[in-house]
Amino acid sequence: MHIATPHTESASRLSMPTPMPALMQMPAAIPAAARGAARPDAAAVCARVNDSLKLLAESVDLQRRIVHAGDTVFQGGQGFQCLYIINSGFFKTLNVAADGREQVVGLHFKGDWMGFDGIAHGQYGCDAIAMDTGEVWTIRYDTLLLAAARQPALLGLLHAAMSREISRDRDSLLSLGTLPADARVADFLRYWAESLSQRGLRADQITLRMTRAEIGNYLGMTLESVSRALSRMARSNVIRFTEKGRRDLCIASTEALASFIQAAMTPQSRVLQ
C-alpha cells in the first residue's frame, strides 16, 4: 500500500507555487514547554478542529462509536487497518512492555487522530483507552487514501494531523528533559487547560481524568512528587481544589501557571531550553 500523491508538473513549467489547502496551513498546537514560541489562538484552533471534523464526516465513510471510561479503542500488536479520530471525550495511549509495565505516552482530545504508529509496521504499537464517555470515529486507512487522492484537502488534513503528532512528541520530550518536577506538573496542567480552551470548553475549572499515579507515569515522576507539586501550586494560589474531589481543580489562569513554571525553573534548565 502506498500514499497517493497529487500529480505535479516539472519545476520548469511551473510559473508559481501551488497554494496549500487552508486546513493544512492552520498552525499546529504548540505545547507550553516550547519557550519563546507564539501561543496558538484558541478560537483559530477550535475552528480548525471543527472544520476538520466536518470535512471528514462529509468526505469519508466512517463508523461512529460511543465509548466509556476504560473502554479500549485498539491494542498494541493488533493488526493495523484503521485510523481513529476523536469527536468528543478524552483518551490516553500507553505502551505495554512484555513484562506488563505500562507507560502513558500520549493524551488526546477532540479532533486528535490515533493509530498513526500502526502504519509503518502493520500493527498498532500501543493501547488507546478512553478516559471518559466520548465518541470516536473509525476510518479505514485504504479508504482514506483513495478519498485523499480525489480530494487534496483530505491529504492536507492527514499530513497536518501527522505533523501535529510529531510536534507534540517533540515538545513532550523537551518538557521531560528540561523542566524540574514542579514546572513539569504545571506545564501538564497548562497543556490540559489550553487543550480544553481550544475545543471551546471551559478551562478555568477542570476535572483531571487521570490519577496522580497516571500523571506521574506520564511525566516520569513518582506519585508523591506529583502530589507535592500540586500542593505547592495550591499554596501559591495558582490552582485550587474544589469540594468535589482531588481531581477537580480551579485554575487561576494559564498566565499564572506560566509564571509558576518560570519561577520553578533552575538556571540549568533555562540554559537547556
C-alpha atoms as a PDB file:
ATOM      1  CA  MET A   1       0.000   0.000   0.000  1.00  0.00           C
ATOM      2  CA  HIS A   2       1.318   3.430  -0.810  1.00  0.00           C
ATOM      3  CA  ILE A   3       0.196   7.002  -0.241  1.00  0.00           C
ATOM      4  CA  ALA A   4      -1.247   8.515  -3.380  1.00  0.00           C
ATOM      5  CA  THR A   5       0.143  11.959  -4.140  1.00  0.00           C
ATOM      6  CA  PRO A   6      -1.266  14.580  -6.498  1.00  0.00           C
ATOM      7  CA  HIS A   7       0.338  14.786  -9.977  1.00  0.00           C
ATOM      8  CA  THR A   8       2.851  17.630 -10.241  1.00  0.00           C
ATOM      9  CA  GLU A   9       4.452  19.203 -13.280  1.00  0.00           C
ATOM     10  CA  SER A  10       8.180  19.741 -13.627  1.00  0.00           C
ATOM     11  CA  ALA A  11       9.626  22.805 -11.957  1.00  0.00           C
ATOM     12  CA  SER A  12      10.465  24.415 -15.299  1.00  0.00           C
ATOM     13  CA  ARG A  13       6.785  24.512 -16.273  1.00  0.00           C
ATOM     14  CA  LEU A  14       5.536  25.997 -13.011  1.00  0.00           C
ATOM     15  CA  SER A  15       5.096  29.753 -13.000  1.00  0.00           C
ATOM     16  CA  MET A  16       4.102  29.995  -9.334  1.00  0.00           C
ATOM     17  CA  PRO A  17       3.820  27.623  -6.344  1.00  0.00           C
ATOM     18  CA  THR A  18       0.576  25.734  -5.824  1.00  0.00           C
ATOM     19  CA  PRO A  19      -1.240  27.094  -2.730  1.00  0.00           C
ATOM     20  CA  MET A  20      -1.615  24.697   0.171  1.00  0.00           C
ATOM     21  CA  PRO A  21      -5.139  23.724   1.293  1.00  0.00           C
ATOM     22  CA  ALA A  22      -6.398  26.024   4.043  1.00  0.00           C
ATOM     23  CA  LEU A  23      -6.781  23.198   6.560  1.00  0.00           C
ATOM     24  CA  MET A  24      -3.138  22.262   6.034  1.00  0.00           C
ATOM     25  CA  GLN A  25      -1.977  25.809   6.664  1.00  0.00           C
ATOM     26  CA  MET A  26      -3.501  26.027  10.141  1.00  0.00           C
ATOM     27  CA  PRO A  27      -0.775  26.115  12.819  1.00  0.00           C
ATOM     28  CA  ALA A  28      -0.249  23.048  14.959  1.00  0.00           C
ATOM     29  CA  ALA A  29      -0.860  23.321  18.691  1.00  0.00           C
ATOM     30  CA  ILE A  30       2.350  24.332  20.459  1.00  0.00           C
ATOM     31  CA  PRO A  31       2.817  22.782  23.923  1.00  0.00           C
ATOM     32  CA  ALA A  32       3.778  25.072  26.756  1.00  0.00           C
ATOM     33  CA  ALA A  33       7.353  23.845  27.059  1.00  0.00           C
ATOM     34  CA  ALA A  34       8.342  25.446  23.747  1.00  0.00           C
ATOM     35  CA  ARG A  35       9.975  28.535  25.189  1.00  0.00           C
ATOM     36  CA  GLY A  36       9.560  31.694  23.140  1.00  0.00           C
ATOM     37  CA  ALA A  37       7.117  30.149  20.652  1.00  0.00           C
ATOM     38  CA  ALA A  38       3.923  32.000  19.797  1.00  0.00           C
ATOM     39  CA  ARG A  39       0.841  30.776  21.646  1.00  0.00           C
ATOM     40  CA  PRO A  40      -1.791  29.318  19.295  1.00  0.00           C
ATOM     41  CA  ASP A  41      -5.041  31.268  19.206  1.00  0.00           C
ATOM     42  CA  ALA A  42      -7.731  29.168  20.906  1.00  0.00           C
ATOM     43  CA  ALA A  43     -10.510  30.356  18.592  1.00  0.00           C
ATOM     44  CA  ALA A  44      -8.445  29.545  15.497  1.00  0.00           C
ATOM     45  CA  VAL A  45      -7.602  26.055  16.766  1.00  0.00           C
ATOM     46  CA  CYS A  46     -11.255  25.452  17.682  1.00  0.00           C
ATOM     47  CA  ALA A  47     -12.339  26.474  14.175  1.00  0.00           C
ATOM     48  CA  ARG A  48      -9.680  24.231  12.621  1.00  0.00           C
ATOM     49  CA  VAL A  49     -10.824  21.244  14.698  1.00  0.00           C
ATOM     50  CA  ASN A  50     -14.483  21.753  13.795  1.00  0.00           C
ATOM     51  CA  ASP A  51     -13.715  22.306  10.098  1.00  0.00           C
ATOM     52  CA  SER A  52     -11.552  19.176  10.004  1.00  0.00           C
ATOM     53  CA  LEU A  53     -14.254  17.022  11.573  1.00  0.00           C
ATOM     54  CA  LYS A  54     -16.847  18.445   9.185  1.00  0.00           C
ATOM     55  CA  LEU A  55     -14.672  17.676   6.152  1.00  0.00           C
ATOM     56  CA  LEU A  56     -14.092  14.103   7.304  1.00  0.00           C
ATOM     57  CA  ALA A  57     -17.769  13.478   8.028  1.00  0.00           C
ATOM     58  CA  GLU A  58     -18.748  14.763   4.583  1.00  0.00           C
ATOM     59  CA  SER A  59     -15.975  13.103   2.565  1.00  0.00           C
ATOM     60  CA  VAL A  60     -15.191   9.677   4.025  1.00  0.00           C
ATOM     61  CA  ASP A  61     -17.198   6.633   5.074  1.00  0.00           C
ATOM     62  CA  LEU A  62     -16.680   6.308   8.814  1.00  0.00           C
ATOM     63  CA  GLN A  63     -18.053   4.408  11.756  1.00  0.00           C
ATOM     64  CA  ARG A  64     -19.116   6.231  14.905  1.00  0.00           C
ATOM     65  CA  ARG A  65     -18.587   4.525  18.249  1.00  0.00           C
ATOM     66  CA  ILE A  66     -19.638   5.681  21.696  1.00  0.00           C
ATOM     67  CA  VAL A  67     -17.098   4.718  24.354  1.00  0.00           C
ATOM     68  CA  HIS A  68     -16.959   4.965  28.127  1.00  0.00           C
ATOM     69  CA  ALA A  69     -14.120   5.333  30.615  1.00  0.00           C
ATOM     70  CA  GLY A  70     -11.861   2.294  30.447  1.00  0.00           C
ATOM     71  CA  ASP A  71     -13.005   1.125  27.002  1.00  0.00           C
ATOM     72  CA  THR A  72     -10.233   0.051  24.633  1.00  0.00           C
ATOM     73  CA  VAL A  73     -10.221   1.567  21.144  1.00  0.00           C
ATOM     74  CA  PHE A  74      -7.331  -0.568  19.876  1.00  0.00           C
ATOM     75  CA  GLN A  75      -4.498  -2.591  21.406  1.00  0.00           C
ATOM     76  CA  GLY A  76      -0.781  -2.835  20.778  1.00  0.00           C
ATOM     77  CA  GLY A  77       0.009  -5.772  18.493  1.00  0.00           C
ATOM     78  CA  GLN A  78      -3.403  -5.632  16.835  1.00  0.00           C
ATOM     79  CA  GLY A  79      -3.260  -5.592  13.032  1.00  0.00           C
ATOM     80  CA  PHE A  80      -3.452  -2.101  11.549  1.00  0.00           C
ATOM     81  CA  GLN A  81      -6.400  -1.271   9.311  1.00  0.00           C
ATOM     82  CA  CYS A  82      -7.934   1.943  10.591  1.00  0.00           C
ATOM     83  CA  LEU A  83      -7.202   5.394  11.932  1.00  0.00           C
ATOM     84  CA  TYR A  84      -9.292   6.861  14.739  1.00  0.00           C
ATOM     85  CA  ILE A  85     -10.450  10.458  15.130  1.00  0.00           C
ATOM     86  CA  ILE A  86     -11.862  11.777  18.400  1.00  0.00           C
ATOM     87  CA  ASN A  87     -15.174  13.615  18.077  1.00  0.00           C
ATOM     88  CA  SER A  88     -15.630  14.025  21.833  1.00  0.00           C
ATOM     89  CA  GLY A  89     -14.116  12.833  25.094  1.00  0.00           C
ATOM     90  CA  PHE A  90     -10.586  12.278  26.387  1.00  0.00           C
ATOM     91  CA  PHE A  91      -8.236   9.408  25.550  1.00  0.00           C
ATOM     92  CA  LYS A  92      -4.795   8.164  26.523  1.00  0.00           C
ATOM     93  CA  THR A  93      -2.348   5.963  24.678  1.00  0.00           C
ATOM     94  CA  LEU A  94       0.048   3.727  26.562  1.00  0.00           C
ATOM     95  CA  ASN A  95       2.839   1.325  25.762  1.00  0.00           C
ATOM     96  CA  VAL A  96       2.806  -2.053  27.491  1.00  0.00           C
ATOM     97  CA  ALA A  97       6.093  -3.942  27.912  1.00  0.00           C
ATOM     98  CA  ALA A  98       6.354  -7.725  27.675  1.00  0.00           C
ATOM     99  CA  ASP A  99       6.678  -7.924  31.474  1.00  0.00           C
ATOM    100  CA  GLY A 100       3.487  -5.904  31.981  1.00  0.00           C
ATOM    101  CA  ARG A 101       4.975  -2.474  32.687  1.00  0.00           C
ATOM    102  CA  GLU A 102       2.828   0.372  31.342  1.00  0.00           C
ATOM    103  CA  GLN A 103       3.853   3.850  30.216  1.00  0.00           C
ATOM    104  CA  VAL A 104       1.363   6.585  29.322  1.00  0.00           C
ATOM    105  CA  VAL A 105       2.762   8.078  26.112  1.00  0.00           C
ATOM    106  CA  GLY A 106       0.005  10.380  24.861  1.00  0.00           C
ATOM    107  CA  LEU A 107      -3.116  12.359  25.735  1.00  0.00           C
ATOM    108  CA  HIS A 108      -5.734  13.018  23.080  1.00  0.00           C
ATOM    109  CA  PHE A 109      -8.636  15.439  22.791  1.00  0.00           C
ATOM    110  CA  LYS A 110     -11.409  16.282  20.322  1.00  0.00           C
ATOM    111  CA  GLY A 111     -10.075  16.458  16.768  1.00  0.00           C
ATOM    112  CA  ASP A 112      -6.947  14.410  17.525  1.00  0.00           C
ATOM    113  CA  TRP A 113      -6.072  11.310  15.498  1.00  0.00           C
ATOM    114  CA  MET A 114      -4.931   7.988  16.934  1.00  0.00           C
ATOM    115  CA  GLY A 115      -3.294   4.985  15.317  1.00  0.00           C
ATOM    116  CA  PHE A 116      -0.566   6.552  13.169  1.00  0.00           C
ATOM    117  CA  ASP A 117       2.047   4.284  14.762  1.00  0.00           C
ATOM    118  CA  GLY A 118       0.414   1.295  13.068  1.00  0.00           C
ATOM    119  CA  ILE A 119       1.169   2.466   9.531  1.00  0.00           C
ATOM    120  CA  ALA A 120       4.888   1.630   9.443  1.00  0.00           C
ATOM    121  CA  HIS A 121       4.813  -1.929  10.801  1.00  0.00           C
ATOM    122  CA  GLY A 122       1.267  -3.060  10.035  1.00  0.00           C
ATOM    123  CA  GLN A 123       0.223  -3.222  13.681  1.00  0.00           C
ATOM    124  CA  TYR A 124      -0.515  -0.753  16.456  1.00  0.00           C
ATOM    125  CA  GLY A 125       2.359  -0.092  18.825  1.00  0.00           C
ATOM    126  CA  CYS A 126       0.305   0.994  21.842  1.00  0.00           C
ATOM    127  CA  ASP A 127      -3.098   0.732  23.504  1.00  0.00           C
ATOM    128  CA  ALA A 128      -5.682   3.516  23.166  1.00  0.00           C
ATOM    129  CA  ILE A 129      -8.016   3.834  26.158  1.00  0.00           C
ATOM    130  CA  ALA A 130     -10.992   6.127  26.755  1.00  0.00           C
ATOM    131  CA  MET A 131     -10.745   8.233  29.922  1.00  0.00           C
ATOM    132  CA  ASP A 132     -14.331   9.486  29.750  1.00  0.00           C
ATOM    133  CA  THR A 133     -17.555   8.982  27.821  1.00  0.00           C
ATOM    134  CA  GLY A 134     -16.972  10.125  24.260  1.00  0.00           C
ATOM    135  CA  GLU A 135     -17.292   9.369  20.574  1.00  0.00           C
ATOM    136  CA  VAL A 136     -14.530   8.106  18.309  1.00  0.00           C
ATOM    137  CA  TRP A 137     -14.699   7.831  14.520  1.00  0.00           C
ATOM    138  CA  THR A 138     -13.147   4.843  12.761  1.00  0.00           C
ATOM    139  CA  ILE A 139     -11.854   5.307   9.205  1.00  0.00           C
ATOM    140  CA  ARG A 140     -10.220   2.571   7.153  1.00  0.00           C
ATOM    141  CA  TYR A 141      -6.792   3.727   6.054  1.00  0.00           C
ATOM    142  CA  ASP A 142      -7.139   2.435   2.479  1.00  0.00           C
ATOM    143  CA  THR A 143     -10.498   4.203   2.161  1.00  0.00           C
ATOM    144  CA  LEU A 144      -8.946   7.435   3.418  1.00  0.00           C
ATOM    145  CA  LEU A 145      -6.091   7.215   0.894  1.00  0.00           C
ATOM    146  CA  LEU A 146      -8.484   6.693  -2.009  1.00  0.00           C
ATOM    147  CA  ALA A 147     -10.583   9.668  -0.897  1.00  0.00           C
ATOM    148  CA  ALA A 148      -7.444  11.797  -0.419  1.00  0.00           C
ATOM    149  CA  ALA A 149      -6.309  11.016  -3.985  1.00  0.00           C
ATOM    150  CA  ARG A 150      -9.556  12.556  -5.243  1.00  0.00           C
ATOM    151  CA  GLN A 151      -9.694  15.418  -2.738  1.00  0.00           C
ATOM    152  CA  PRO A 152      -6.366  17.174  -1.973  1.00  0.00           C
ATOM    153  CA  ALA A 153      -7.829  18.863   1.116  1.00  0.00           C
ATOM    154  CA  LEU A 154      -8.108  15.436   2.751  1.00  0.00           C
ATOM    155  CA  LEU A 155      -4.461  14.693   2.014  1.00  0.00           C
ATOM    156  CA  GLY A 156      -3.535  18.031   3.566  1.00  0.00           C
ATOM    157  CA  LEU A 157      -5.666  17.169   6.593  1.00  0.00           C
ATOM    158  CA  LEU A 158      -3.884  13.829   7.008  1.00  0.00           C
ATOM    159  CA  HIS A 159      -0.426  15.382   6.692  1.00  0.00           C
ATOM    160  CA  ALA A 160      -1.302  18.171   9.154  1.00  0.00           C
ATOM    161  CA  ALA A 161      -2.524  15.621  11.722  1.00  0.00           C
ATOM    162  CA  MET A 162       0.731  13.672  11.389  1.00  0.00           C
ATOM    163  CA  SER A 163       2.736  16.885  11.733  1.00  0.00           C
ATOM    164  CA  ARG A 164       0.909  17.874  14.915  1.00  0.00           C
ATOM    165  CA  GLU A 165       1.630  14.474  16.455  1.00  0.00           C
ATOM    166  CA  ILE A 166       5.333  14.847  15.671  1.00  0.00           C
ATOM    167  CA  SER A 167       5.302  18.337  17.222  1.00  0.00           C
ATOM    168  CA  ARG A 168       3.569  17.102  20.375  1.00  0.00           C
ATOM    169  CA  ASP A 169       6.063  14.278  20.800  1.00  0.00           C
ATOM    170  CA  ARG A 170       8.992  16.667  20.320  1.00  0.00           C
ATOM    171  CA  ASP A 171       7.697  19.204  22.827  1.00  0.00           C
ATOM    172  CA  SER A 172       6.829  16.484  25.322  1.00  0.00           C
ATOM    173  CA  LEU A 173      10.470  15.382  25.233  1.00  0.00           C
ATOM    174  CA  LEU A 174      11.538  18.999  25.731  1.00  0.00           C
ATOM    175  CA  SER A 175       9.379  19.282  28.841  1.00  0.00           C
ATOM    176  CA  LEU A 176      10.527  15.956  30.288  1.00  0.00           C
ATOM    177  CA  GLY A 177      14.171  16.653  29.591  1.00  0.00           C
ATOM    178  CA  THR A 178      14.478  20.260  30.741  1.00  0.00           C
ATOM    179  CA  LEU A 179      11.798  21.134  33.313  1.00  0.00           C
ATOM    180  CA  PRO A 180      12.106  20.398  37.046  1.00  0.00           C
ATOM    181  CA  ALA A 181       9.334  18.429  38.735  1.00  0.00           C
ATOM    182  CA  ASP A 182       7.079  21.307  39.851  1.00  0.00           C
ATOM    183  CA  ALA A 183       7.321  23.033  36.474  1.00  0.00           C
ATOM    184  CA  ARG A 184       6.591  19.760  34.677  1.00  0.00           C
ATOM    185  CA  VAL A 185       3.295  19.327  36.542  1.00  0.00           C
ATOM    186  CA  ALA A 186       2.350  22.971  35.956  1.00  0.00           C
ATOM    187  CA  ASP A 187       3.171  22.579  32.256  1.00  0.00           C
ATOM    188  CA  PHE A 188       0.956  19.489  32.154  1.00  0.00           C
ATOM    189  CA  LEU A 189      -1.945  21.438  33.687  1.00  0.00           C
ATOM    190  CA  ARG A 190      -1.426  24.317  31.282  1.00  0.00           C
ATOM    191  CA  TYR A 191      -1.431  21.943  28.309  1.00  0.00           C
ATOM    192  CA  TRP A 192      -4.646  20.314  29.568  1.00  0.00           C
ATOM    193  CA  ALA A 193      -6.359  23.677  30.157  1.00  0.00           C
ATOM    194  CA  GLU A 194      -5.289  25.078  26.784  1.00  0.00           C
ATOM    195  CA  SER A 195      -6.434  21.907  25.013  1.00  0.00           C
ATOM    196  CA  LEU A 196      -9.881  22.351  26.562  1.00  0.00           C
ATOM    197  CA  SER A 197      -9.993  26.041  25.636  1.00  0.00           C
ATOM    198  CA  GLN A 198      -9.010  25.207  22.064  1.00  0.00           C
ATOM    199  CA  ARG A 199     -12.032  22.868  21.872  1.00  0.00           C
ATOM    200  CA  GLY A 200     -14.434  25.527  23.106  1.00  0.00           C
ATOM    201  CA  LEU A 201     -14.636  24.013  26.597  1.00  0.00           C
ATOM    202  CA  ARG A 202     -14.276  25.662  29.985  1.00  0.00           C
ATOM    203  CA  ALA A 203     -10.638  25.786  31.085  1.00  0.00           C
ATOM    204  CA  ASP A 204     -10.766  27.553  34.469  1.00  0.00           C
ATOM    205  CA  GLN A 205     -12.443  24.589  36.169  1.00  0.00           C
ATOM    206  CA  ILE A 206     -11.195  21.199  35.012  1.00  0.00           C
ATOM    207  CA  THR A 207     -11.584  17.588  36.013  1.00  0.00           C
ATOM    208  CA  LEU A 208      -8.398  15.584  35.604  1.00  0.00           C
ATOM    209  CA  ARG A 209      -9.229  12.229  34.033  1.00  0.00           C
ATOM    210  CA  MET A 210      -6.044  10.694  35.403  1.00  0.00           C
ATOM    211  CA  THR A 211      -4.960   9.583  38.859  1.00  0.00           C
ATOM    212  CA  ARG A 212      -1.881  11.084  40.493  1.00  0.00           C
ATOM    213  CA  ALA A 213      -0.059   7.841  39.685  1.00  0.00           C
ATOM    214  CA  GLU A 214      -1.008   8.089  35.990  1.00  0.00           C
ATOM    215  CA  ILE A 215       0.112  11.718  35.822  1.00  0.00           C
ATOM    216  CA  GLY A 216       3.410  10.716  37.405  1.00  0.00           C
ATOM    217  CA  ASN A 217       3.789   7.859  34.946  1.00  0.00           C
ATOM    218  CA  TYR A 218       3.221  10.232  32.026  1.00  0.00           C
ATOM    219  CA  LEU A 219       5.622  12.862  33.381  1.00  0.00           C
ATOM    220  CA  GLY A 220       8.324  10.474  34.593  1.00  0.00           C
ATOM    221  CA  MET A 221       7.685  11.281  38.260  1.00  0.00           C
ATOM    222  CA  THR A 222       6.542   9.488  41.395  1.00  0.00           C
ATOM    223  CA  LEU A 223       3.015   9.850  42.728  1.00  0.00           C
ATOM    224  CA  GLU A 224       4.422  11.648  45.769  1.00  0.00           C
ATOM    225  CA  SER A 225       6.274  14.191  43.606  1.00  0.00           C
ATOM    226  CA  VAL A 226       3.093  14.963  41.678  1.00  0.00           C
ATOM    227  CA  SER A 227       1.126  15.425  44.908  1.00  0.00           C
ATOM    228  CA  ARG A 228       3.787  17.739  46.361  1.00  0.00           C
ATOM    229  CA  ALA A 229       3.862  19.833  43.181  1.00  0.00           C
ATOM    230  CA  LEU A 230       0.073  20.219  43.193  1.00  0.00           C
ATOM    231  CA  SER A 231       0.127  21.178  46.874  1.00  0.00           C
ATOM    232  CA  ARG A 232       2.774  23.847  46.223  1.00  0.00           C
ATOM    233  CA  MET A 233       0.698  25.271  43.378  1.00  0.00           C
ATOM    234  CA  ALA A 234      -2.338  25.363  45.651  1.00  0.00           C
ATOM    235  CA  ARG A 235      -0.369  27.193  48.369  1.00  0.00           C
ATOM    236  CA  SER A 236       0.769  29.687  45.711  1.00  0.00           C
ATOM    237  CA  ASN A 237      -2.885  30.229  44.683  1.00  0.00           C
ATOM    238  CA  VAL A 238      -2.118  29.059  41.149  1.00  0.00           C
ATOM    239  CA  ILE A 239      -4.726  26.296  41.477  1.00  0.00           C
ATOM    240  CA  ARG A 240      -7.456  25.483  43.968  1.00  0.00           C
ATOM    241  CA  PHE A 241      -9.005  22.110  44.773  1.00  0.00           C
ATOM    242  CA  THR A 242     -12.812  22.107  44.686  1.00  0.00           C
ATOM    243  CA  GLU A 243     -15.106  20.404  47.158  1.00  0.00           C
ATOM    244  CA  LYS A 244     -15.953  17.675  44.620  1.00  0.00           C
ATOM    245  CA  GLY A 245     -12.647  15.858  44.973  1.00  0.00           C
ATOM    246  CA  ARG A 246      -8.922  15.974  44.396  1.00  0.00           C
ATOM    247  CA  ARG A 247      -9.295  15.549  40.627  1.00  0.00           C
ATOM    248  CA  ASP A 248     -11.359  18.729  40.281  1.00  0.00           C
ATOM    249  CA  LEU A 249      -9.278  21.897  40.027  1.00  0.00           C
ATOM    250  CA  CYS A 250      -9.854  25.602  39.599  1.00  0.00           C
ATOM    251  CA  ILE A 251      -7.068  27.282  37.636  1.00  0.00           C
ATOM    252  CA  ALA A 252      -6.494  30.973  38.248  1.00  0.00           C
ATOM    253  CA  SER A 253      -5.194  31.484  34.701  1.00  0.00           C
ATOM    254  CA  THR A 254      -2.784  29.931  32.239  1.00  0.00           C
ATOM    255  CA  GLU A 255      -0.647  33.039  32.746  1.00  0.00           C
ATOM    256  CA  ALA A 256      -0.353  32.186  36.454  1.00  0.00           C
ATOM    257  CA  LEU A 257       0.745  28.677  35.505  1.00  0.00           C
ATOM    258  CA  ALA A 258       3.320  30.140  33.111  1.00  0.00           C
ATOM    259  CA  SER A 259       4.713  32.353  35.880  1.00  0.00           C
ATOM    260  CA  PHE A 260       4.884  29.361  38.225  1.00  0.00           C
ATOM    261  CA  ILE A 261       6.805  27.397  35.576  1.00  0.00           C
ATOM    262  CA  GLN A 262       9.335  30.195  35.113  1.00  0.00           C
ATOM    263  CA  ALA A 263       9.799  30.584  38.872  1.00  0.00           C
ATOM    264  CA  ALA A 264      10.345  26.833  39.303  1.00  0.00           C
ATOM    265  CA  MET A 265      12.944  26.527  36.566  1.00  0.00           C
ATOM    266  CA  THR A 266      16.561  26.104  37.598  1.00  0.00           C
ATOM    267  CA  PRO A 267      19.338  28.098  35.866  1.00  0.00           C
ATOM    268  CA  GLN A 268      20.484  24.891  34.166  1.00  0.00           C
ATOM    269  CA  SER A 269      17.041  24.144  32.711  1.00  0.00           C
ATOM    270  CA  ARG A 270      16.815  27.712  31.386  1.00  0.00           C
ATOM    271  CA  VAL A 271      20.108  27.231  29.536  1.00  0.00           C
ATOM    272  CA  LEU A 272      18.974  23.884  28.092  1.00  0.00           C
ATOM    273  CA  GLN A 273      15.866  25.490  26.655  1.00  0.00           C
END
